[in-house]
Amino acid sequence: MNQLITEKQVAAMLSISTNKLQKDRIQGKGIPFHKIERCIRYDLTEVEKYLEDCRCTSTSQYEGGSKDE
């Protein structure tokens, strides 16, 4: 089983707020997550994949916002 991490850990890894993660979940975008009873957990592998998918090699590739906006 892959390592599950909290939204606080994800927010710290990405230098974003937990509110941003919560907003993305409500809007159905961003990083896939697990809801275990009342707890939200992210699969570390999915977080790393999301980061890789957001990787750019040129500023001309960047269109603003996240890839899901």
N, C-alpha and C. Protein backbone atom coordinates (compact mmCIF):
# COMPACT_ATOMS: atom_id res chain seq x y z
N MET A 1 0.84 -1.19 0.00
CA MET A 1 0.00 0.00 0.00
C MET A 1 0.89 1.25 0.00
N ASN A 2 0.47 2.24 -0.75
CA ASN A 2 1.21 3.49 -0.81
C ASN A 2 1.01 4.30 0.47
N GLN A 3 1.93 5.20 0.71
CA GLN A 3 1.88 6.04 1.90
C GLN A 3 0.81 7.10 1.75
N LEU A 4 -0.06 7.22 2.74
CA LEU A 4 -1.09 8.26 2.75
C LEU A 4 -0.63 9.38 3.67
N ILE A 5 -0.83 10.64 3.21
CA ILE A 5 -0.39 11.79 3.99
C ILE A 5 -1.56 12.76 4.17
N THR A 6 -1.46 13.61 5.16
CA THR A 6 -2.55 14.55 5.49
C THR A 6 -2.53 15.76 4.55
N GLU A 7 -3.64 16.50 4.57
CA GLU A 7 -3.69 17.70 3.74
C GLU A 7 -2.68 18.74 4.24
N LYS A 8 -2.40 18.77 5.52
CA LYS A 8 -1.38 19.70 6.03
C LYS A 8 -0.01 19.36 5.47
N GLN A 9 0.29 18.08 5.35
CA GLN A 9 1.57 17.66 4.79
C GLN A 9 1.65 18.03 3.30
N VAL A 10 0.56 17.82 2.57
CA VAL A 10 0.53 18.17 1.15
C VAL A 10 0.69 19.67 0.98
N ALA A 11 -0.04 20.44 1.77
CA ALA A 11 0.04 21.90 1.69
C ALA A 11 1.47 22.37 1.95
N ALA A 12 2.13 21.78 2.92
CA ALA A 12 3.51 22.15 3.22
C ALA A 12 4.44 21.78 2.07
N MET A 13 4.23 20.60 1.48
CA MET A 13 5.07 20.16 0.35
C MET A 13 4.95 21.11 -0.84
N LEU A 14 3.73 21.61 -1.08
CA LEU A 14 3.47 22.44 -2.26
C LEU A 14 3.51 23.93 -1.97
N SER A 15 3.74 24.29 -0.72
CA SER A 15 3.74 25.70 -0.29
C SER A 15 2.43 26.39 -0.67
N ILE A 16 1.33 25.71 -0.37
CA ILE A 16 -0.01 26.27 -0.57
C ILE A 16 -0.79 26.10 0.72
N SER A 17 -1.95 26.72 0.79
CA SER A 17 -2.77 26.61 1.99
C SER A 17 -3.65 25.37 1.95
N THR A 18 -4.06 24.93 3.13
CA THR A 18 -5.02 23.83 3.18
C THR A 18 -6.35 24.28 2.58
N ASN A 19 -6.64 25.58 2.67
CA ASN A 19 -7.88 26.10 2.06
C ASN A 19 -7.88 25.90 0.55
N LYS A 20 -6.73 26.05 -0.09
CA LYS A 20 -6.61 25.83 -1.53
C LYS A 20 -6.92 24.37 -1.86
N LEU A 21 -6.39 23.45 -1.08
CA LEU A 21 -6.67 22.03 -1.28
C LEU A 21 -8.16 21.74 -1.09
N GLN A 22 -8.76 22.34 -0.06
CA GLN A 22 -10.18 22.14 0.21
C GLN A 22 -11.03 22.68 -0.95
N LYS A 23 -10.68 23.84 -1.45
CA LYS A 23 -11.40 24.43 -2.58
C LYS A 23 -11.30 23.53 -3.81
N ASP A 24 -10.11 23.01 -4.08
CA ASP A 24 -9.93 22.11 -5.22
C ASP A 24 -10.79 20.86 -5.08
N ARG A 25 -10.88 20.31 -3.86
CA ARG A 25 -11.70 19.11 -3.65
C ARG A 25 -13.17 19.42 -3.91
N ILE A 26 -13.65 20.55 -3.44
CA ILE A 26 -15.04 20.94 -3.63
C ILE A 26 -15.35 21.10 -5.12
N GLN A 27 -14.40 21.66 -5.86
CA GLN A 27 -14.59 21.92 -7.28
C GLN A 27 -14.28 20.69 -8.15
N GLY A 28 -13.84 19.61 -7.51
CA GLY A 28 -13.56 18.38 -8.23
C GLY A 28 -12.33 18.43 -9.10
N LYS A 29 -11.33 19.20 -8.68
CA LYS A 29 -10.08 19.28 -9.45
C LYS A 29 -8.90 19.18 -8.49
N GLY A 30 -7.72 19.17 -9.06
CA GLY A 30 -6.53 19.08 -8.23
C GLY A 30 -6.10 17.64 -8.04
N ILE A 31 -5.51 17.37 -6.91
CA ILE A 31 -4.91 16.07 -6.62
C ILE A 31 -5.98 15.10 -6.13
N PRO A 32 -6.02 13.87 -6.67
CA PRO A 32 -6.96 12.88 -6.16
C PRO A 32 -6.71 12.62 -4.67
N PHE A 33 -7.77 12.31 -3.95
CA PHE A 33 -7.67 12.12 -2.50
C PHE A 33 -8.54 10.96 -2.05
N HIS A 34 -8.33 10.54 -0.82
CA HIS A 34 -9.14 9.50 -0.18
C HIS A 34 -9.88 10.13 0.98
N LYS A 35 -11.15 9.77 1.14
CA LYS A 35 -11.90 10.21 2.32
C LYS A 35 -12.16 8.96 3.15
N ILE A 36 -11.54 8.92 4.30
CA ILE A 36 -11.66 7.78 5.21
C ILE A 36 -12.43 8.27 6.43
N GLU A 37 -13.70 7.91 6.47
CA GLU A 37 -14.64 8.48 7.43
C GLU A 37 -14.61 10.00 7.29
N ARG A 38 -14.14 10.72 8.29
CA ARG A 38 -14.09 12.19 8.20
C ARG A 38 -12.71 12.71 7.87
N CYS A 39 -11.77 11.82 7.63
CA CYS A 39 -10.38 12.22 7.38
C CYS A 39 -10.07 12.25 5.89
N ILE A 40 -9.36 13.27 5.47
CA ILE A 40 -8.89 13.39 4.09
C ILE A 40 -7.43 12.99 4.06
N ARG A 41 -7.08 12.10 3.13
CA ARG A 41 -5.70 11.68 2.97
C ARG A 41 -5.35 11.69 1.49
N TYR A 42 -4.10 11.99 1.22
CA TYR A 42 -3.58 12.00 -0.15
C TYR A 42 -2.54 10.90 -0.27
N ASP A 43 -2.55 10.23 -1.40
CA ASP A 43 -1.55 9.21 -1.71
C ASP A 43 -0.29 9.95 -2.16
N LEU A 44 0.81 9.71 -1.48
CA LEU A 44 2.06 10.40 -1.80
C LEU A 44 2.45 10.20 -3.26
N THR A 45 2.20 9.03 -3.81
CA THR A 45 2.50 8.76 -5.21
C THR A 45 1.69 9.66 -6.13
N GLU A 46 0.41 9.89 -5.80
CA GLU A 46 -0.46 10.77 -6.59
C GLU A 46 0.01 12.23 -6.51
N VAL A 47 0.47 12.65 -5.34
CA VAL A 47 1.00 14.01 -5.18
C VAL A 47 2.24 14.19 -6.06
N GLU A 48 3.12 13.20 -6.02
CA GLU A 48 4.33 13.26 -6.85
C GLU A 48 3.98 13.25 -8.33
N LYS A 49 2.98 12.46 -8.73
CA LYS A 49 2.54 12.42 -10.13
C LYS A 49 1.97 13.78 -10.54
N TYR A 50 1.17 14.38 -9.67
CA TYR A 50 0.59 15.69 -9.94
C TYR A 50 1.71 16.72 -10.17
N LEU A 51 2.72 16.68 -9.33
CA LEU A 51 3.86 17.60 -9.50
C LEU A 51 4.56 17.37 -10.83
N GLU A 52 4.75 16.13 -11.20
CA GLU A 52 5.40 15.81 -12.47
C GLU A 52 4.56 16.31 -13.65
N ASP A 53 3.23 16.15 -13.55
CA ASP A 53 2.33 16.60 -14.60
C ASP A 53 2.33 18.12 -14.75
N CYS A 54 2.66 18.83 -13.68
CA CYS A 54 2.70 20.29 -13.71
C CYS A 54 4.06 20.84 -14.14
N ARG A 55 5.00 19.96 -14.37
CA ARG A 55 6.37 20.36 -14.70
C ARG A 55 6.42 21.03 -16.07
N CYS A 56 7.13 22.14 -16.14
CA CYS A 56 7.33 22.89 -17.39
C CYS A 56 8.82 23.02 -17.64
N THR A 57 9.17 23.14 -18.92
CA THR A 57 10.58 23.36 -19.27
C THR A 57 10.80 24.75 -19.85
N SER A 58 9.70 25.50 -20.00
CA SER A 58 9.79 26.85 -20.55
C SER A 58 8.66 27.69 -19.98
N THR A 59 8.90 28.97 -19.77
CA THR A 59 7.83 29.84 -19.28
C THR A 59 6.71 30.01 -20.30
N SER A 60 6.99 29.75 -21.58
CA SER A 60 5.94 29.86 -22.59
C SER A 60 4.93 28.72 -22.48
N GLN A 61 5.28 27.65 -21.76
CA GLN A 61 4.34 26.55 -21.54
C GLN A 61 3.32 26.89 -20.47
N TYR A 62 3.64 27.84 -19.62
CA TYR A 62 2.78 28.19 -18.49
C TYR A 62 1.63 29.07 -18.94
N GLU A 63 0.40 28.64 -18.65
CA GLU A 63 -0.78 29.41 -19.05
C GLU A 63 -1.48 30.02 -17.84
N GLY A 64 -0.90 29.91 -16.69
CA GLY A 64 -1.48 30.48 -15.48
C GLY A 64 -2.37 29.45 -14.79
N GLY A 65 -2.43 29.54 -13.45
CA GLY A 65 -3.26 28.64 -12.69
C GLY A 65 -2.71 27.23 -12.68
N SER A 66 -3.50 26.33 -12.14
CA SER A 66 -3.09 24.93 -12.15
C SER A 66 -3.55 24.29 -13.44
N LYS A 67 -3.11 23.08 -13.69
CA LYS A 67 -3.46 22.40 -14.92
C LYS A 67 -4.95 22.11 -15.04
N ASP A 68 -5.68 22.16 -13.90
CA ASP A 68 -7.10 21.84 -13.91
C ASP A 68 -7.99 23.08 -13.99
N GLU A 69 -7.43 24.25 -13.98
CA GLU A 69 -8.24 25.47 -14.00
C GLU A 69 -8.62 25.83 -15.40
